[in-house]
Amino acid sequence: MPRHEFQPGKLVTGLFLVAGGIAYAGDAGGWWDTEWFAIIPIVVGGLCLAGLVASVTHAVRRSRADRGRRGARSETGS
């Protein structure tokens, strides 16, 4: 199986969507009452946080790639 790069933004999105699913599953199971609009802040907040995490991840990876390219240039003497 080919490996893929880790994407923490997608992990955060998945965790918040699972949290929303658990909220509604608990309501369906009769363990607690969840209002119909409760999913909106969970999903929107999760998507905003996931976007922030993805942006930070992208910036860090780009910074590391730039640093790696600069190091390769200094070794070759160009």
PDB file of N, CA and C in Angstrom:
ATOM      1  N   MET A   1       0.836  -1.165   0.000  1.00  0.00           N
ATOM      2  CA  MET A   1       0.000   0.000   0.000  1.00  0.00           C
ATOM      3  C   MET A   1       0.889   1.240   0.000  1.00  0.00           C
ATOM      4  N   PRO A   2       0.684   2.161  -0.940  1.00  0.00           N
ATOM      5  CA  PRO A   2       1.527   3.355  -0.978  1.00  0.00           C
ATOM      6  C   PRO A   2       1.226   4.284   0.202  1.00  0.00           C
ATOM      7  N   ARG A   3       2.286   4.847   0.734  1.00  0.00           N
ATOM      8  CA  ARG A   3       2.128   5.782   1.851  1.00  0.00           C
ATOM      9  C   ARG A   3       1.724   7.142   1.312  1.00  0.00           C
ATOM     10  N   HIS A   4       1.040   7.901   2.127  1.00  0.00           N
ATOM     11  CA  HIS A   4       0.636   9.246   1.753  1.00  0.00           C
ATOM     12  C   HIS A   4       1.052  10.201   2.859  1.00  0.00           C
ATOM     13  N   GLU A   5       1.098  11.477   2.507  1.00  0.00           N
ATOM     14  CA  GLU A   5       1.517  12.437   3.521  1.00  0.00           C
ATOM     15  C   GLU A   5       0.387  12.688   4.512  1.00  0.00           C
ATOM     16  N   PHE A   6       0.766  12.914   5.749  1.00  0.00           N
ATOM     17  CA  PHE A   6      -0.183  13.162   6.818  1.00  0.00           C
ATOM     18  C   PHE A   6      -0.768  14.559   6.655  1.00  0.00           C
ATOM     19  N   GLN A   7      -2.094  14.668   6.721  1.00  0.00           N
ATOM     20  CA  GLN A   7      -2.767  15.949   6.578  1.00  0.00           C
ATOM     21  C   GLN A   7      -3.614  16.197   7.831  1.00  0.00           C
ATOM     22  N   PRO A   8      -3.063  16.959   8.779  1.00  0.00           N
ATOM     23  CA  PRO A   8      -3.779  17.162  10.037  1.00  0.00           C
ATOM     24  C   PRO A   8      -5.085  17.931   9.885  1.00  0.00           C
ATOM     25  N   GLY A   9      -5.233  18.752   8.850  1.00  0.00           N
ATOM     26  CA  GLY A   9      -6.491  19.461   8.628  1.00  0.00           C
ATOM     27  C   GLY A   9      -7.645  18.493   8.396  1.00  0.00           C
ATOM     28  N   LYS A  10      -7.389  17.461   7.646  1.00  0.00           N
ATOM     29  CA  LYS A  10      -8.424  16.454   7.398  1.00  0.00           C
ATOM     30  C   LYS A  10      -8.743  15.664   8.666  1.00  0.00           C
ATOM     31  N   LEU A  11      -7.734  15.447   9.498  1.00  0.00           N
ATOM     32  CA  LEU A  11      -7.964  14.762  10.770  1.00  0.00           C
ATOM     33  C   LEU A  11      -8.883  15.588  11.667  1.00  0.00           C
ATOM     34  N   VAL A  12      -8.628  16.885  11.755  1.00  0.00           N
ATOM     35  CA  VAL A  12      -9.463  17.765  12.577  1.00  0.00           C
ATOM     36  C   VAL A  12     -10.894  17.788  12.045  1.00  0.00           C
ATOM     37  N   THR A  13     -11.052  17.880  10.727  1.00  0.00           N
ATOM     38  CA  THR A  13     -12.385  17.855  10.123  1.00  0.00           C
ATOM     39  C   THR A  13     -13.123  16.571  10.497  1.00  0.00           C
ATOM     40  N   GLY A  14     -12.449  15.458  10.366  1.00  0.00           N
ATOM     41  CA  GLY A  14     -13.057  14.177  10.691  1.00  0.00           C
ATOM     42  C   GLY A  14     -13.455  14.068  12.150  1.00  0.00           C
ATOM     43  N   LEU A  15     -12.607  14.579  13.035  1.00  0.00           N
ATOM     44  CA  LEU A  15     -12.930  14.514  14.466  1.00  0.00           C
ATOM     45  C   LEU A  15     -14.175  15.332  14.797  1.00  0.00           C
ATOM     46  N   PHE A  16     -14.302  16.515  14.205  1.00  0.00           N
ATOM     47  CA  PHE A  16     -15.480  17.337  14.490  1.00  0.00           C
ATOM     48  C   PHE A  16     -16.740  16.742  13.859  1.00  0.00           C
ATOM     49  N   LEU A  17     -16.622  16.140  12.696  1.00  0.00           N
ATOM     50  CA  LEU A  17     -17.793  15.498  12.091  1.00  0.00           C
ATOM     51  C   LEU A  17     -18.219  14.275  12.896  1.00  0.00           C
ATOM     52  N   VAL A  18     -17.246  13.543  13.414  1.00  0.00           N
ATOM     53  CA  VAL A  18     -17.569  12.408  14.287  1.00  0.00           C
ATOM     54  C   VAL A  18     -18.236  12.901  15.567  1.00  0.00           C
ATOM     55  N   ALA A  19     -17.747  14.029  16.119  1.00  0.00           N
ATOM     56  CA  ALA A  19     -18.368  14.598  17.326  1.00  0.00           C
ATOM     57  C   ALA A  19     -19.822  14.974  17.057  1.00  0.00           C
ATOM     58  N   GLY A  20     -20.086  15.548  15.883  1.00  0.00           N
ATOM     59  CA  GLY A  20     -21.471  15.863  15.528  1.00  0.00           C
ATOM     60  C   GLY A  20     -22.316  14.610  15.388  1.00  0.00           C
ATOM     61  N   GLY A  21     -21.738  13.577  14.804  1.00  0.00           N
ATOM     62  CA  GLY A  21     -22.452  12.304  14.678  1.00  0.00           C
ATOM     63  C   GLY A  21     -22.739  11.668  16.024  1.00  0.00           C
ATOM     64  N   ILE A  22     -21.790  11.771  16.931  1.00  0.00           N
ATOM     65  CA  ILE A  22     -21.994  11.227  18.276  1.00  0.00           C
ATOM     66  C   ILE A  22     -23.097  11.997  19.002  1.00  0.00           C
ATOM     67  N   ALA A  23     -23.119  13.317  18.801  1.00  0.00           N
ATOM     68  CA  ALA A  23     -24.167  14.128  19.441  1.00  0.00           C
ATOM     69  C   ALA A  23     -25.549  13.667  18.989  1.00  0.00           C
ATOM     70  N   TYR A  24     -25.711  13.447  17.698  1.00  0.00           N
ATOM     71  CA  TYR A  24     -27.010  13.000  17.196  1.00  0.00           C
ATOM     72  C   TYR A  24     -27.284  11.531  17.515  1.00  0.00           C
ATOM     73  N   ALA A  25     -26.256  10.708  17.569  1.00  0.00           N
ATOM     74  CA  ALA A  25     -26.458   9.303  17.936  1.00  0.00           C
ATOM     75  C   ALA A  25     -26.919   9.187  19.386  1.00  0.00           C
ATOM     76  N   GLY A  26     -26.345  10.018  20.256  1.00  0.00           N
ATOM     77  CA  GLY A  26     -26.787  10.024  21.658  1.00  0.00           C
ATOM     78  C   GLY A  26     -28.229  10.471  21.787  1.00  0.00           C
ATOM     79  N   ASP A  27     -28.618  11.423  20.957  1.00  0.00           N
ATOM     80  CA  ASP A  27     -30.013  11.879  20.955  1.00  0.00           C
ATOM     81  C   ASP A  27     -30.929  10.768  20.452  1.00  0.00           C
ATOM     82  N   ALA A  28     -30.517  10.103  19.393  1.00  0.00           N
ATOM     83  CA  ALA A  28     -31.339   9.017  18.842  1.00  0.00           C
ATOM     84  C   ALA A  28     -31.442   7.850  19.816  1.00  0.00           C
ATOM     85  N   GLY A  29     -30.364   7.620  20.573  1.00  0.00           N
ATOM     86  CA  GLY A  29     -30.382   6.525  21.543  1.00  0.00           C
ATOM     87  C   GLY A  29     -31.104   6.864  22.828  1.00  0.00           C
ATOM     88  N   GLY A  30     -31.490   8.119  23.002  1.00  0.00           N
ATOM     89  CA  GLY A  30     -32.220   8.510  24.196  1.00  0.00           C
ATOM     90  C   GLY A  30     -31.340   8.837  25.391  1.00  0.00           C
ATOM     91  N   TRP A  31     -30.030   8.961  25.181  1.00  0.00           N
ATOM     92  CA  TRP A  31     -29.131   9.261  26.292  1.00  0.00           C
ATOM     93  C   TRP A  31     -29.183  10.731  26.670  1.00  0.00           C
ATOM     94  N   TRP A  32     -29.404  11.616  25.716  1.00  0.00           N
ATOM     95  CA  TRP A  32     -29.528  13.048  25.970  1.00  0.00           C
ATOM     96  C   TRP A  32     -30.319  13.675  24.842  1.00  0.00           C
ATOM     97  N   ASP A  33     -30.674  14.926  25.012  1.00  0.00           N
ATOM     98  CA  ASP A  33     -31.420  15.645  23.982  1.00  0.00           C
ATOM     99  C   ASP A  33     -30.477  16.610  23.267  1.00  0.00           C
ATOM    100  N   THR A  34     -30.439  16.511  21.943  1.00  0.00           N
ATOM    101  CA  THR A  34     -29.630  17.402  21.131  1.00  0.00           C
ATOM    102  C   THR A  34     -30.571  18.234  20.273  1.00  0.00           C
ATOM    103  N   GLU A  35     -30.431  19.534  20.342  1.00  0.00           N
ATOM    104  CA  GLU A  35     -31.252  20.414  19.507  1.00  0.00           C
ATOM    105  C   GLU A  35     -30.849  20.253  18.039  1.00  0.00           C
ATOM    106  N   TRP A  36     -31.766  20.532  17.156  1.00  0.00           N
ATOM    107  CA  TRP A  36     -31.520  20.335  15.727  1.00  0.00           C
ATOM    108  C   TRP A  36     -30.414  21.248  15.215  1.00  0.00           C
ATOM    109  N   PHE A  37     -30.236  22.408  15.817  1.00  0.00           N
ATOM    110  CA  PHE A  37     -29.250  23.367  15.330  1.00  0.00           C
ATOM    111  C   PHE A  37     -27.872  23.184  15.971  1.00  0.00           C
ATOM    112  N   ALA A  38     -27.704  22.201  16.823  1.00  0.00           N
ATOM    113  CA  ALA A  38     -26.425  22.001  17.520  1.00  0.00           C
ATOM    114  C   ALA A  38     -25.300  21.617  16.563  1.00  0.00           C
ATOM    115  N   ILE A  39     -25.628  21.003  15.453  1.00  0.00           N
ATOM    116  CA  ILE A  39     -24.604  20.560  14.508  1.00  0.00           C
ATOM    117  C   ILE A  39     -23.927  21.742  13.811  1.00  0.00           C
ATOM    118  N   ILE A  40     -24.633  22.869  13.687  1.00  0.00           N
ATOM    119  CA  ILE A  40     -24.092  24.015  12.948  1.00  0.00           C
ATOM    120  C   ILE A  40     -22.802  24.543  13.581  1.00  0.00           C
ATOM    121  N   PRO A  41     -22.775  24.892  14.876  1.00  0.00           N
ATOM    122  CA  PRO A  41     -21.503  25.377  15.431  1.00  0.00           C
ATOM    123  C   PRO A  41     -20.421  24.310  15.486  1.00  0.00           C
ATOM    124  N   ILE A  42     -20.820  23.053  15.651  1.00  0.00           N
ATOM    125  CA  ILE A  42     -19.821  21.982  15.685  1.00  0.00           C
ATOM    126  C   ILE A  42     -19.130  21.876  14.335  1.00  0.00           C
ATOM    127  N   VAL A  43     -19.903  21.820  13.264  1.00  0.00           N
ATOM    128  CA  VAL A  43     -19.325  21.651  11.930  1.00  0.00           C
ATOM    129  C   VAL A  43     -18.596  22.918  11.479  1.00  0.00           C
ATOM    130  N   VAL A  44     -19.220  24.077  11.666  1.00  0.00           N
ATOM    131  CA  VAL A  44     -18.582  25.323  11.227  1.00  0.00           C
ATOM    132  C   VAL A  44     -17.303  25.578  12.027  1.00  0.00           C
ATOM    133  N   GLY A  45     -17.363  25.392  13.333  1.00  0.00           N
ATOM    134  CA  GLY A  45     -16.159  25.557  14.154  1.00  0.00           C
ATOM    135  C   GLY A  45     -15.066  24.575  13.762  1.00  0.00           C
ATOM    136  N   GLY A  46     -15.462  23.343  13.497  1.00  0.00           N
ATOM    137  CA  GLY A  46     -14.490  22.332  13.073  1.00  0.00           C
ATOM    138  C   GLY A  46     -13.861  22.651  11.732  1.00  0.00           C
ATOM    139  N   LEU A  47     -14.671  23.138  10.799  1.00  0.00           N
ATOM    140  CA  LEU A  47     -14.126  23.489   9.487  1.00  0.00           C
ATOM    141  C   LEU A  47     -13.188  24.698   9.579  1.00  0.00           C
ATOM    142  N   CYS A  48     -13.536  25.669  10.405  1.00  0.00           N
ATOM    143  CA  CYS A  48     -12.653  26.828  10.590  1.00  0.00           C
ATOM    144  C   CYS A  48     -11.334  26.406  11.230  1.00  0.00           C
ATOM    145  N   LEU A  49     -11.414  25.582  12.262  1.00  0.00           N
ATOM    146  CA  LEU A  49     -10.195  25.099  12.904  1.00  0.00           C
ATOM    147  C   LEU A  49      -9.371  24.244  11.946  1.00  0.00           C
ATOM    148  N   ALA A  50     -10.029  23.421  11.144  1.00  0.00           N
ATOM    149  CA  ALA A  50      -9.316  22.593  10.171  1.00  0.00           C
ATOM    150  C   ALA A  50      -8.619  23.460   9.123  1.00  0.00           C
ATOM    151  N   GLY A  51      -9.278  24.538   8.696  1.00  0.00           N
ATOM    152  CA  GLY A  51      -8.642  25.456   7.750  1.00  0.00           C
ATOM    153  C   GLY A  51      -7.417  26.110   8.344  1.00  0.00           C
ATOM    154  N   LEU A  52      -7.496  26.497   9.609  1.00  0.00           N
ATOM    155  CA  LEU A  52      -6.349  27.093  10.294  1.00  0.00           C
ATOM    156  C   LEU A  52      -5.207  26.086  10.408  1.00  0.00           C
ATOM    157  N   VAL A  53      -5.524  24.871  10.804  1.00  0.00           N
ATOM    158  CA  VAL A  53      -4.506  23.825  10.939  1.00  0.00           C
ATOM    159  C   VAL A  53      -3.873  23.523   9.582  1.00  0.00           C
ATOM    160  N   ALA A  54      -4.677  23.441   8.534  1.00  0.00           N
ATOM    161  CA  ALA A  54      -4.145  23.175   7.192  1.00  0.00           C
ATOM    162  C   ALA A  54      -3.246  24.310   6.728  1.00  0.00           C
ATOM    163  N   SER A  55      -3.612  25.547   7.033  1.00  0.00           N
ATOM    164  CA  SER A  55      -2.780  26.695   6.649  1.00  0.00           C
ATOM    165  C   SER A  55      -1.438  26.673   7.366  1.00  0.00           C
ATOM    166  N   VAL A  56      -1.479  26.378   8.655  1.00  0.00           N
ATOM    167  CA  VAL A  56      -0.225  26.303   9.417  1.00  0.00           C
ATOM    168  C   VAL A  56       0.637  25.152   8.908  1.00  0.00           C
ATOM    169  N   THR A  57       0.026  24.023   8.635  1.00  0.00           N
ATOM    170  CA  THR A  57       0.762  22.880   8.102  1.00  0.00           C
ATOM    171  C   THR A  57       1.417  23.227   6.768  1.00  0.00           C
ATOM    172  N   HIS A  58       0.675  23.890   5.904  1.00  0.00           N
ATOM    173  CA  HIS A  58       1.209  24.281   4.598  1.00  0.00           C
ATOM    174  C   HIS A  58       2.389  25.233   4.760  1.00  0.00           C
ATOM    175  N   ALA A  59       2.258  26.204   5.661  1.00  0.00           N
ATOM    176  CA  ALA A  59       3.337  27.169   5.880  1.00  0.00           C
ATOM    177  C   ALA A  59       4.591  26.487   6.426  1.00  0.00           C
ATOM    178  N   VAL A  60       4.409  25.565   7.349  1.00  0.00           N
ATOM    179  CA  VAL A  60       5.559  24.865   7.922  1.00  0.00           C
ATOM    180  C   VAL A  60       6.240  24.005   6.871  1.00  0.00           C
ATOM    181  N   ARG A  61       5.463  23.290   6.082  1.00  0.00           N
ATOM    182  CA  ARG A  61       6.059  22.435   5.051  1.00  0.00           C
ATOM    183  C   ARG A  61       6.757  23.256   3.979  1.00  0.00           C
ATOM    184  N   ARG A  62       6.169  24.392   3.621  1.00  0.00           N
ATOM    185  CA  ARG A  62       6.800  25.256   2.630  1.00  0.00           C
ATOM    186  C   ARG A  62       8.103  25.838   3.170  1.00  0.00           C
ATOM    187  N   SER A  63       8.100  26.212   4.438  1.00  0.00           N
ATOM    188  CA  SER A  63       9.304  26.753   5.060  1.00  0.00           C
ATOM    189  C   SER A  63      10.413  25.699   5.100  1.00  0.00           C
ATOM    190  N   ARG A  64      10.043  24.484   5.442  1.00  0.00           N
ATOM    191  CA  ARG A  64      11.052  23.409   5.471  1.00  0.00           C
ATOM    192  C   ARG A  64      11.580  23.102   4.077  1.00  0.00           C
ATOM    193  N   ALA A  65      10.708  23.136   3.078  1.00  0.00           N
ATOM    194  CA  ALA A  65      11.146  22.866   1.706  1.00  0.00           C
ATOM    195  C   ALA A  65      12.084  23.974   1.227  1.00  0.00           C
ATOM    196  N   ASP A  66      11.757  25.226   1.543  1.00  0.00           N
ATOM    197  CA  ASP A  66      12.629  26.338   1.161  1.00  0.00           C
ATOM    198  C   ASP A  66      13.987  26.226   1.845  1.00  0.00           C
ATOM    199  N   ARG A  67      13.974  25.870   3.118  1.00  0.00           N
ATOM    200  CA  ARG A  67      15.224  25.711   3.856  1.00  0.00           C
ATOM    201  C   ARG A  67      16.055  24.580   3.259  1.00  0.00           C
ATOM    202  N   GLY A  68      15.399  23.507   2.842  1.00  0.00           N
ATOM    203  CA  GLY A  68      16.107  22.387   2.223  1.00  0.00           C
ATOM    204  C   GLY A  68      16.711  22.766   0.884  1.00  0.00           C
ATOM    205  N   ARG A  69      15.988  23.574   0.097  1.00  0.00           N
ATOM    206  CA  ARG A  69      16.512  24.017  -1.191  1.00  0.00           C
ATOM    207  C   ARG A  69      17.695  24.954  -1.013  1.00  0.00           C
ATOM    208  N   ARG A  70      17.612  25.827  -0.015  1.00  0.00           N
ATOM    209  CA  ARG A  70      18.740  26.753   0.227  1.00  0.00           C
ATOM    210  C   ARG A  70      19.963  25.985   0.648  1.00  0.00           C
ATOM    211  N   GLY A  71      19.797  24.949   1.452  1.00  0.00           N
ATOM    212  CA  GLY A  71      20.926  24.138   1.895  1.00  0.00           C
ATOM    213  C   GLY A  71      21.556  23.386   0.739  1.00  0.00           C
ATOM    214  N   ALA A  72      20.724  22.921  -0.204  1.00  0.00           N
ATOM    215  CA  ALA A  72      21.247  22.183  -1.357  1.00  0.00           C
ATOM    216  C   ALA A  72      22.037  23.111  -2.274  1.00  0.00           C
ATOM    217  N   ARG A  73      21.590  24.356  -2.410  1.00  0.00           N
ATOM    218  CA  ARG A  73      22.298  25.316  -3.252  1.00  0.00           C
ATOM    219  C   ARG A  73      23.652  25.681  -2.670  1.00  0.00           C
ATOM    220  N   SER A  74      23.715  25.843  -1.364  1.00  0.00           N
ATOM    221  CA  SER A  74      24.992  26.230  -0.752  1.00  0.00           C
ATOM    222  C   SER A  74      26.011  25.091  -0.846  1.00  0.00           C
ATOM    223  N   GLU A  75      25.549  23.848  -0.854  1.00  0.00           N
ATOM    224  CA  GLU A  75      26.465  22.722  -0.967  1.00  0.00           C
ATOM    225  C   GLU A  75      27.021  22.605  -2.384  1.00  0.00           C
ATOM    226  N   THR A  76      26.235  22.956  -3.396  1.00  0.00           N
ATOM    227  CA  THR A  76      26.696  22.845  -4.777  1.00  0.00           C
ATOM    228  C   THR A  76      27.540  24.045  -5.190  1.00  0.00           C
ATOM    229  N   GLY A  77      27.448  25.121  -4.421  1.00  0.00           N
ATOM    230  CA  GLY A  77      28.269  26.285  -4.715  1.00  0.00           C
ATOM    231  C   GLY A  77      27.625  27.255  -5.679  1.00  0.00           C
ATOM    232  N   SER A  78      26.319  27.130  -5.939  1.00  0.00           N
ATOM    233  CA  SER A  78      25.682  28.084  -6.852  1.00  0.00           C
ATOM    234  C   SER A  78      25.038  29.209  -6.133  1.00  0.00           C
TER     235      SER A  78
END
